[in-house]
Amino acid sequence: ETLAALAFVQIIKPGHPFIFSNWPFIADMRSGAMTG
């Protein structure tokens, strides 16, 4: 998904400053709520 975001920016403007922010979050399997 983050590669797809990179593709979006670099197709629009090749070489544009881009930060690859892949933030995999975790869900507490007991409740489904996000645990940070």
PDB file of all heavy atoms in Angstrom:
ATOM      1  N   GLU A   1       0.825  -1.208   0.000  1.00  0.00           N
ATOM      2  CA  GLU A   1       0.000   0.000   0.000  1.00  0.00           C
ATOM      3  C   GLU A   1       0.860   1.259   0.000  1.00  0.00           C
ATOM      4  O   GLU A   1       0.532   2.249  -0.677  1.00  0.00           O
ATOM      5  CB  GLU A   1      -0.934  -0.033   1.214  1.00  0.00           C
ATOM      6  CG  GLU A   1      -2.021  -1.090   1.087  1.00  0.00           C
ATOM      7  CD  GLU A   1      -2.769  -1.354   2.383  1.00  0.00           C
ATOM      8  OE1 GLU A   1      -2.221  -1.052   3.467  1.00  0.00           O
ATOM      9  OE2 GLU A   1      -3.902  -1.880   2.314  1.00  0.00           O
ATOM     10  N   THR A   2       1.966   1.244   0.740  1.00  0.00           N
ATOM     11  CA  THR A   2       2.828   2.423   0.760  1.00  0.00           C
ATOM     12  C   THR A   2       3.567   2.566  -0.565  1.00  0.00           C
ATOM     13  O   THR A   2       3.820   3.685  -1.025  1.00  0.00           O
ATOM     14  CB  THR A   2       3.812   2.359   1.939  1.00  0.00           C
ATOM     15  OG1 THR A   2       3.129   1.912   3.108  1.00  0.00           O
ATOM     16  CG2 THR A   2       4.398   3.735   2.233  1.00  0.00           C
ATOM     17  N   LEU A   3       3.900   1.449  -1.196  1.00  0.00           N
ATOM     18  CA  LEU A   3       4.452   1.511  -2.550  1.00  0.00           C
ATOM     19  C   LEU A   3       3.438   2.117  -3.517  1.00  0.00           C
ATOM     20  O   LEU A   3       3.800   2.870  -4.430  1.00  0.00           O
ATOM     21  CB  LEU A   3       4.844   0.110  -3.026  1.00  0.00           C
ATOM     22  CG  LEU A   3       6.128  -0.478  -2.437  1.00  0.00           C
ATOM     23  CD1 LEU A   3       6.254  -1.954  -2.811  1.00  0.00           C
ATOM     24  CD2 LEU A   3       7.362   0.295  -2.915  1.00  0.00           C
ATOM     25  N   ALA A   4       2.157   1.812  -3.320  1.00  0.00           N
ATOM     26  CA  ALA A   4       1.119   2.408  -4.175  1.00  0.00           C
ATOM     27  C   ALA A   4       1.041   3.919  -3.964  1.00  0.00           C
ATOM     28  O   ALA A   4       0.802   4.674  -4.915  1.00  0.00           O
ATOM     29  CB  ALA A   4      -0.232   1.746  -3.883  1.00  0.00           C
ATOM     30  N   ALA A   5       1.248   4.358  -2.717  1.00  0.00           N
ATOM     31  CA  ALA A   5       1.289   5.801  -2.453  1.00  0.00           C
ATOM     32  C   ALA A   5       2.502   6.427  -3.130  1.00  0.00           C
ATOM     33  O   ALA A   5       2.427   7.533  -3.694  1.00  0.00           O
ATOM     34  CB  ALA A   5       1.315   6.055  -0.951  1.00  0.00           C
ATOM     35  N   LEU A   6       3.639   5.745  -3.046  1.00  0.00           N
ATOM     36  CA  LEU A   6       4.840   6.218  -3.741  1.00  0.00           C
ATOM     37  C   LEU A   6       4.572   6.332  -5.238  1.00  0.00           C
ATOM     38  O   LEU A   6       4.951   7.337  -5.877  1.00  0.00           O
ATOM     39  CB  LEU A   6       5.998   5.258  -3.468  1.00  0.00           C
ATOM     40  CG  LEU A   6       7.355   5.538  -4.106  1.00  0.00           C
ATOM     41  CD1 LEU A   6       8.487   4.967  -3.234  1.00  0.00           C
ATOM     42  CD2 LEU A   6       7.485   4.955  -5.510  1.00  0.00           C
ATOM     43  N   ALA A   7       3.921   5.320  -5.805  1.00  0.00           N
ATOM     44  CA  ALA A   7       3.605   5.353  -7.230  1.00  0.00           C
ATOM     45  C   ALA A   7       2.730   6.548  -7.572  1.00  0.00           C
ATOM     46  O   ALA A   7       2.942   7.224  -8.595  1.00  0.00           O
ATOM     47  CB  ALA A   7       2.914   4.046  -7.641  1.00  0.00           C
ATOM     48  N   PHE A   8       1.752   6.834  -6.731  1.00  0.00           N
ATOM     49  CA  PHE A   8       0.852   7.963  -6.969  1.00  0.00           C
ATOM     50  C   PHE A   8       1.653   9.259  -7.086  1.00  0.00           C
ATOM     51  O   PHE A   8       1.487  10.035  -8.038  1.00  0.00           O
ATOM     52  CB  PHE A   8      -0.166   8.057  -5.832  1.00  0.00           C
ATOM     53  CG  PHE A   8      -1.221   9.112  -6.044  1.00  0.00           C
ATOM     54  CD1 PHE A   8      -2.393   8.798  -6.713  1.00  0.00           C
ATOM     55  CD2 PHE A   8      -1.046  10.406  -5.592  1.00  0.00           C
ATOM     56  CE1 PHE A   8      -3.369   9.758  -6.929  1.00  0.00           C
ATOM     57  CE2 PHE A   8      -2.009  11.378  -5.793  1.00  0.00           C
ATOM     58  CZ  PHE A   8      -3.184  11.056  -6.463  1.00  0.00           C
ATOM     59  N   VAL A   9       2.550   9.505  -6.130  1.00  0.00           N
ATOM     60  CA  VAL A   9       3.314  10.758  -6.121  1.00  0.00           C
ATOM     61  C   VAL A   9       4.324  10.802  -7.263  1.00  0.00           C
ATOM     62  O   VAL A   9       4.447  11.811  -7.966  1.00  0.00           O
ATOM     63  CB  VAL A   9       4.018  10.945  -4.762  1.00  0.00           C
ATOM     64  CG1 VAL A   9       4.977  12.135  -4.801  1.00  0.00           C
ATOM     65  CG2 VAL A   9       2.987  11.117  -3.653  1.00  0.00           C
ATOM     66  N   GLN A  10       5.048   9.705  -7.491  1.00  0.00           N
ATOM     67  CA  GLN A  10       6.114   9.734  -8.482  1.00  0.00           C
ATOM     68  C   GLN A  10       5.603   9.720  -9.913  1.00  0.00           C
ATOM     69  O   GLN A  10       6.283  10.206 -10.825  1.00  0.00           O
ATOM     70  CB  GLN A  10       7.082   8.576  -8.236  1.00  0.00           C
ATOM     71  CG  GLN A  10       7.764   8.619  -6.882  1.00  0.00           C
ATOM     72  CD  GLN A  10       8.438   9.955  -6.584  1.00  0.00           C
ATOM     73  OE1 GLN A  10       9.089  10.543  -7.455  1.00  0.00           O
ATOM     74  NE2 GLN A  10       8.286  10.435  -5.350  1.00  0.00           N
ATOM     75  N   ILE A  11       4.416   9.203 -10.154  1.00  0.00           N
ATOM     76  CA  ILE A  11       3.811   9.300 -11.484  1.00  0.00           C
ATOM     77  C   ILE A  11       3.356  10.728 -11.739  1.00  0.00           C
ATOM     78  O   ILE A  11       3.526  11.268 -12.844  1.00  0.00           O
ATOM     79  CB  ILE A  11       2.653   8.297 -11.636  1.00  0.00           C
ATOM     80  CG1 ILE A  11       3.215   6.879 -11.808  1.00  0.00           C
ATOM     81  CG2 ILE A  11       1.752   8.653 -12.826  1.00  0.00           C
ATOM     82  CD1 ILE A  11       2.165   5.784 -11.844  1.00  0.00           C
ATOM     83  N   ILE A  12       2.802  11.361 -10.719  1.00  0.00           N
ATOM     84  CA  ILE A  12       2.353  12.746 -10.882  1.00  0.00           C
ATOM     85  C   ILE A  12       3.536  13.682 -11.104  1.00  0.00           C
ATOM     86  O   ILE A  12       3.529  14.533 -11.997  1.00  0.00           O
ATOM     87  CB  ILE A  12       1.549  13.193  -9.645  1.00  0.00           C
ATOM     88  CG1 ILE A  12       0.240  12.419  -9.568  1.00  0.00           C
ATOM     89  CG2 ILE A  12       1.276  14.695  -9.674  1.00  0.00           C
ATOM     90  CD1 ILE A  12      -0.461  12.564  -8.251  1.00  0.00           C
ATOM     91  N   LYS A  13       4.598  13.500 -10.305  1.00  0.00           N
ATOM     92  CA  LYS A  13       5.774  14.366 -10.419  1.00  0.00           C
ATOM     93  C   LYS A  13       7.019  13.570 -10.059  1.00  0.00           C
ATOM     94  O   LYS A  13       7.370  13.459  -8.882  1.00  0.00           O
ATOM     95  CB  LYS A  13       5.642  15.592  -9.508  1.00  0.00           C
ATOM     96  CG  LYS A  13       6.784  16.592  -9.671  1.00  0.00           C
ATOM     97  CD  LYS A  13       6.610  17.766  -8.725  1.00  0.00           C
ATOM     98  CE  LYS A  13       7.792  18.734  -8.822  1.00  0.00           C
ATOM     99  NZ  LYS A  13       7.662  19.847  -7.828  1.00  0.00           N
ATOM    100  N   PRO A  14       7.681  12.994 -11.042  1.00  0.00           N
ATOM    101  CA  PRO A  14       8.873  12.189 -10.755  1.00  0.00           C
ATOM    102  C   PRO A  14       9.922  12.991  -9.978  1.00  0.00           C
ATOM    103  O   PRO A  14      10.210  14.140 -10.304  1.00  0.00           O
ATOM    104  CB  PRO A  14       9.391  11.818 -12.153  1.00  0.00           C
ATOM    105  CG  PRO A  14       8.180  11.884 -13.033  1.00  0.00           C
ATOM    106  CD  PRO A  14       7.344  13.008 -12.477  1.00  0.00           C
ATOM    107  N   GLY A  15      10.465  12.356  -8.928  1.00  0.00           N
ATOM    108  CA  GLY A  15      11.503  12.991  -8.128  1.00  0.00           C
ATOM    109  C   GLY A  15      10.990  13.899  -7.027  1.00  0.00           C
ATOM    110  O   GLY A  15      11.786  14.539  -6.326  1.00  0.00           O
ATOM    111  N   HIS A  16       9.669  13.953  -6.824  1.00  0.00           N
ATOM    112  CA  HIS A  16       9.129  14.821  -5.774  1.00  0.00           C
ATOM    113  C   HIS A  16       9.463  14.251  -4.398  1.00  0.00           C
ATOM    114  O   HIS A  16       9.430  13.039  -4.185  1.00  0.00           O
ATOM    115  CB  HIS A  16       7.616  14.954  -5.916  1.00  0.00           C
ATOM    116  CG  HIS A  16       7.024  15.998  -5.024  1.00  0.00           C
ATOM    117  ND1 HIS A  16       7.119  17.345  -5.281  1.00  0.00           N
ATOM    118  CD2 HIS A  16       6.356  15.886  -3.839  1.00  0.00           C
ATOM    119  CE1 HIS A  16       6.523  18.021  -4.317  1.00  0.00           C
ATOM    120  NE2 HIS A  16       6.060  17.163  -3.421  1.00  0.00           N
ATOM    121  N   PRO A  17       9.799  15.120  -3.419  1.00  0.00           N
ATOM    122  CA  PRO A  17      10.136  14.645  -2.066  1.00  0.00           C
ATOM    123  C   PRO A  17       9.005  13.821  -1.460  1.00  0.00           C
ATOM    124  O   PRO A  17       7.862  14.281  -1.365  1.00  0.00           O
ATOM    125  CB  PRO A  17      10.369  15.939  -1.285  1.00  0.00           C
ATOM    126  CG  PRO A  17      10.733  16.949  -2.317  1.00  0.00           C
ATOM    127  CD  PRO A  17       9.948  16.581  -3.537  1.00  0.00           C
ATOM    128  N   PHE A  18       9.348  12.606  -1.046  1.00  0.00           N
ATOM    129  CA  PHE A  18       8.347  11.656  -0.576  1.00  0.00           C
ATOM    130  C   PHE A  18       8.916  10.889   0.606  1.00  0.00           C
ATOM    131  O   PHE A  18      10.060  10.422   0.570  1.00  0.00           O
ATOM    132  CB  PHE A  18       7.996  10.679  -1.702  1.00  0.00           C
ATOM    133  CG  PHE A  18       7.019   9.601  -1.312  1.00  0.00           C
ATOM    134  CD1 PHE A  18       5.654   9.822  -1.367  1.00  0.00           C
ATOM    135  CD2 PHE A  18       7.469   8.358  -0.880  1.00  0.00           C
ATOM    136  CE1 PHE A  18       4.756   8.830  -1.007  1.00  0.00           C
ATOM    137  CE2 PHE A  18       6.578   7.362  -0.525  1.00  0.00           C
ATOM    138  CZ  PHE A  18       5.217   7.603  -0.579  1.00  0.00           C
ATOM    139  N   ILE A  19       8.102  10.769   1.670  1.00  0.00           N
ATOM    140  CA  ILE A  19       8.488   9.996   2.847  1.00  0.00           C
ATOM    141  C   ILE A  19       7.633   8.734   2.881  1.00  0.00           C
ATOM    142  O   ILE A  19       6.404   8.796   2.897  1.00  0.00           O
ATOM    143  CB  ILE A  19       8.308  10.809   4.138  1.00  0.00           C
ATOM    144  CG1 ILE A  19       9.172  12.074   4.088  1.00  0.00           C
ATOM    145  CG2 ILE A  19       8.677   9.969   5.361  1.00  0.00           C
ATOM    146  CD1 ILE A  19       8.800  13.104   5.116  1.00  0.00           C
ATOM    147  N   PHE A  20       8.304   7.601   2.887  1.00  0.00           N
ATOM    148  CA  PHE A  20       7.667   6.290   2.838  1.00  0.00           C
ATOM    149  C   PHE A  20       7.244   5.915   4.251  1.00  0.00           C
ATOM    150  O   PHE A  20       7.989   5.300   5.006  1.00  0.00           O
ATOM    151  CB  PHE A  20       8.686   5.284   2.283  1.00  0.00           C
ATOM    152  CG  PHE A  20       8.115   3.968   1.845  1.00  0.00           C
ATOM    153  CD1 PHE A  20       7.702   3.769   0.541  1.00  0.00           C
ATOM    154  CD2 PHE A  20       8.030   2.907   2.744  1.00  0.00           C
ATOM    155  CE1 PHE A  20       7.203   2.534   0.129  1.00  0.00           C
ATOM    156  CE2 PHE A  20       7.535   1.672   2.341  1.00  0.00           C
ATOM    157  CZ  PHE A  20       7.118   1.486   1.024  1.00  0.00           C
ATOM    158  N   SER A  21       6.024   6.299   4.616  1.00  0.00           N
ATOM    159  CA  SER A  21       5.557   6.130   5.993  1.00  0.00           C
ATOM    160  C   SER A  21       4.611   4.943   6.102  1.00  0.00           C
ATOM    161  O   SER A  21       3.382   5.090   6.087  1.00  0.00           O
ATOM    162  CB  SER A  21       4.890   7.414   6.504  1.00  0.00           C
ATOM    163  OG  SER A  21       5.866   8.386   6.794  1.00  0.00           O
ATOM    164  N   ASN A  22       5.217   3.779   6.195  1.00  0.00           N
ATOM    165  CA  ASN A  22       4.468   2.548   6.431  1.00  0.00           C
ATOM    166  C   ASN A  22       4.381   2.357   7.942  1.00  0.00           C
ATOM    167  O   ASN A  22       5.368   2.029   8.586  1.00  0.00           O
ATOM    168  CB  ASN A  22       5.192   1.374   5.761  1.00  0.00           C
ATOM    169  CG  ASN A  22       4.507   0.037   6.016  1.00  0.00           C
ATOM    170  OD1 ASN A  22       3.417  -0.018   6.567  1.00  0.00           O
ATOM    171  ND2 ASN A  22       5.170  -1.036   5.615  1.00  0.00           N
ATOM    172  N   TRP A  23       3.183   2.558   8.494  1.00  0.00           N
ATOM    173  CA  TRP A  23       2.971   2.467   9.937  1.00  0.00           C
ATOM    174  C   TRP A  23       2.076   1.267  10.247  1.00  0.00           C
ATOM    175  O   TRP A  23       0.861   1.424  10.448  1.00  0.00           O
ATOM    176  CB  TRP A  23       2.283   3.717  10.472  1.00  0.00           C
ATOM    177  CG  TRP A  23       3.023   5.006  10.311  1.00  0.00           C
ATOM    178  CD1 TRP A  23       4.193   5.218   9.645  1.00  0.00           C
ATOM    179  CD2 TRP A  23       2.629   6.281  10.825  1.00  0.00           C
ATOM    180  NE1 TRP A  23       4.550   6.537   9.706  1.00  0.00           N
ATOM    181  CE2 TRP A  23       3.610   7.214  10.427  1.00  0.00           C
ATOM    182  CE3 TRP A  23       1.544   6.710  11.581  1.00  0.00           C
ATOM    183  CZ2 TRP A  23       3.529   8.563  10.762  1.00  0.00           C
ATOM    184  CZ3 TRP A  23       1.461   8.054  11.921  1.00  0.00           C
ATOM    185  CH2 TRP A  23       2.448   8.971  11.513  1.00  0.00           C
ATOM    186  N   PRO A  24       2.591   0.064  10.290  1.00  0.00           N
ATOM    187  CA  PRO A  24       1.732  -1.078  10.637  1.00  0.00           C
ATOM    188  C   PRO A  24       1.256  -1.003  12.078  1.00  0.00           C
ATOM    189  O   PRO A  24       2.059  -1.016  13.008  1.00  0.00           O
ATOM    190  CB  PRO A  24       2.666  -2.279  10.408  1.00  0.00           C
ATOM    191  CG  PRO A  24       4.051  -1.740  10.495  1.00  0.00           C
ATOM    192  CD  PRO A  24       3.981  -0.328  10.025  1.00  0.00           C
ATOM    193  N   PHE A  25      -0.031  -0.870  12.249  1.00  0.00           N
ATOM    194  CA  PHE A  25      -0.635  -0.812  13.575  1.00  0.00           C
ATOM    195  C   PHE A  25      -1.114  -2.215  13.979  1.00  0.00           C
ATOM    196  O   PHE A  25      -1.262  -3.102  13.154  1.00  0.00           O
ATOM    197  CB  PHE A  25      -1.824   0.147  13.592  1.00  0.00           C
ATOM    198  CG  PHE A  25      -1.425   1.608  13.618  1.00  0.00           C
ATOM    199  CD1 PHE A  25      -2.397   2.597  13.539  1.00  0.00           C
ATOM    200  CD2 PHE A  25      -0.099   2.008  13.716  1.00  0.00           C
ATOM    201  CE1 PHE A  25      -2.052   3.942  13.564  1.00  0.00           C
ATOM    202  CE2 PHE A  25       0.255   3.347  13.742  1.00  0.00           C
ATOM    203  CZ  PHE A  25      -0.729   4.315  13.665  1.00  0.00           C
ATOM    204  N   ILE A  26      -1.381  -2.349  15.271  1.00  0.00           N
ATOM    205  CA  ILE A  26      -1.790  -3.635  15.826  1.00  0.00           C
ATOM    206  C   ILE A  26      -3.178  -3.496  16.449  1.00  0.00           C
ATOM    207  O   ILE A  26      -3.445  -2.539  17.180  1.00  0.00           O
ATOM    208  CB  ILE A  26      -0.798  -4.121  16.903  1.00  0.00           C
ATOM    209  CG1 ILE A  26       0.627  -4.160  16.352  1.00  0.00           C
ATOM    210  CG2 ILE A  26      -1.222  -5.485  17.438  1.00  0.00           C
ATOM    211  CD1 ILE A  26       0.848  -5.122  15.210  1.00  0.00           C
ATOM    212  N   ALA A  27      -4.045  -4.450  16.152  1.00  0.00           N
ATOM    213  CA  ALA A  27      -5.350  -4.509  16.813  1.00  0.00           C
ATOM    214  C   ALA A  27      -5.268  -5.549  17.929  1.00  0.00           C
ATOM    215  O   ALA A  27      -4.743  -6.645  17.732  1.00  0.00           O
ATOM    216  CB  ALA A  27      -6.443  -4.880  15.827  1.00  0.00           C
ATOM    217  N   ASP A  28      -5.772  -5.195  19.096  1.00  0.00           N
ATOM    218  CA  ASP A  28      -5.874  -6.171  20.181  1.00  0.00           C
ATOM    219  C   ASP A  28      -6.922  -7.204  19.769  1.00  0.00           C
ATOM    220  O   ASP A  28      -8.101  -6.875  19.613  1.00  0.00           O
ATOM    221  CB  ASP A  28      -6.286  -5.456  21.482  1.00  0.00           C
ATOM    222  CG  ASP A  28      -6.223  -6.370  22.695  1.00  0.00           C
ATOM    223  OD1 ASP A  28      -6.758  -7.501  22.615  1.00  0.00           O
ATOM    224  OD2 ASP A  28      -5.656  -5.964  23.721  1.00  0.00           O
ATOM    225  N   MET A  29      -6.471  -8.428  19.564  1.00  0.00           N
ATOM    226  CA  MET A  29      -7.359  -9.453  19.017  1.00  0.00           C
ATOM    227  C   MET A  29      -8.552  -9.758  19.917  1.00  0.00           C
ATOM    228  O   MET A  29      -9.558 -10.321  19.474  1.00  0.00           O
ATOM    229  CB  MET A  29      -6.570 -10.743  18.757  1.00  0.00           C
ATOM    230  CG  MET A  29      -5.441 -10.587  17.750  1.00  0.00           C
ATOM    231  SD  MET A  29      -6.049 -10.174  16.099  1.00  0.00           S
ATOM    232  CE  MET A  29      -4.519 -10.229  15.164  1.00  0.00           C
ATOM    233  N   ARG A  30      -8.466  -9.383  21.182  1.00  0.00           N
ATOM    234  CA  ARG A  30      -9.569  -9.666  22.093  1.00  0.00           C
ATOM    235  C   ARG A  30     -10.728  -8.712  21.912  1.00  0.00           C
ATOM    236  O   ARG A  30     -11.887  -9.056  22.172  1.00  0.00           O
ATOM    237  CB  ARG A  30      -9.077  -9.613  23.542  1.00  0.00           C
ATOM    238  CG  ARG A  30      -7.979 -10.617  23.861  1.00  0.00           C
ATOM    239  CD  ARG A  30      -7.314 -10.311  25.179  1.00  0.00           C
ATOM    240  NE  ARG A  30      -6.693  -8.983  25.185  1.00  0.00           N
ATOM    241  CZ  ARG A  30      -6.033  -8.463  26.226  1.00  0.00           C
ATOM    242  NH1 ARG A  30      -5.926  -9.165  27.349  1.00  0.00           N
ATOM    243  NH2 ARG A  30      -5.496  -7.265  26.135  1.00  0.00           N
ATOM    244  N   SER A  31     -10.411  -7.482  21.469  1.00  0.00           N
ATOM    245  CA  SER A  31     -11.465  -6.470  21.365  1.00  0.00           C
ATOM    246  C   SER A  31     -11.581  -5.858  19.980  1.00  0.00           C
ATOM    247  O   SER A  31     -12.606  -5.262  19.644  1.00  0.00           O
ATOM    248  CB  SER A  31     -11.188  -5.348  22.376  1.00  0.00           C
ATOM    249  OG  SER A  31      -9.986  -4.663  22.040  1.00  0.00           O
ATOM    250  N   GLY A  32     -10.519  -5.952  19.181  1.00  0.00           N
ATOM    251  CA  GLY A  32     -10.497  -5.298  17.880  1.00  0.00           C
ATOM    252  C   GLY A  32     -10.026  -3.865  17.946  1.00  0.00           C
ATOM    253  O   GLY A  32      -9.852  -3.208  16.912  1.00  0.00           O
ATOM    254  N   ALA A  33      -9.797  -3.342  19.159  1.00  0.00           N
ATOM    255  CA  ALA A  33      -9.339  -1.961  19.318  1.00  0.00           C
ATOM    256  C   ALA A  33      -7.851  -1.856  19.011  1.00  0.00           C
ATOM    257  O   ALA A  33      -7.082  -2.797  19.223  1.00  0.00           O
ATOM    258  CB  ALA A  33      -9.618  -1.484  20.739  1.00  0.00           C
ATOM    259  N   MET A  34      -7.445  -0.694  18.534  1.00  0.00           N
ATOM    260  CA  MET A  34      -6.042  -0.459  18.234  1.00  0.00           C
ATOM    261  C   MET A  34      -5.235  -0.372  19.525  1.00  0.00           C
ATOM    262  O   MET A  34      -5.652   0.252  20.497  1.00  0.00           O
ATOM    263  CB  MET A  34      -5.898   0.839  17.432  1.00  0.00           C
ATOM    264  CG  MET A  34      -4.467   1.169  17.047  1.00  0.00           C
ATOM    265  SD  MET A  34      -3.741   2.348  18.200  1.00  0.00           S
ATOM    266  CE  MET A  34      -2.320   2.914  17.292  1.00  0.00           C
ATOM    267  N   THR A  35      -4.066  -1.038  19.561  1.00  0.00           N
ATOM    268  CA  THR A  35      -3.147  -0.925  20.677  1.00  0.00           C
ATOM    269  C   THR A  35      -1.855  -0.294  20.185  1.00  0.00           C
ATOM    270  O   THR A  35      -1.211  -0.805  19.262  1.00  0.00           O
ATOM    271  CB  THR A  35      -2.862  -2.288  21.334  1.00  0.00           C
ATOM    272  OG1 THR A  35      -1.740  -2.168  22.223  1.00  0.00           O
ATOM    273  CG2 THR A  35      -2.559  -3.370  20.321  1.00  0.00           C
ATOM    274  N   GLY A  36      -1.481   0.831  20.783  1.00  0.00           N
ATOM    275  CA  GLY A  36      -0.303   1.549  20.309  1.00  0.00           C
ATOM    276  C   GLY A  36       0.986   1.153  20.986  1.00  0.00           C
ATOM    277  O   GLY A  36       2.068   1.329  20.429  1.00  0.00           O
TER     278      GLY A  36
END
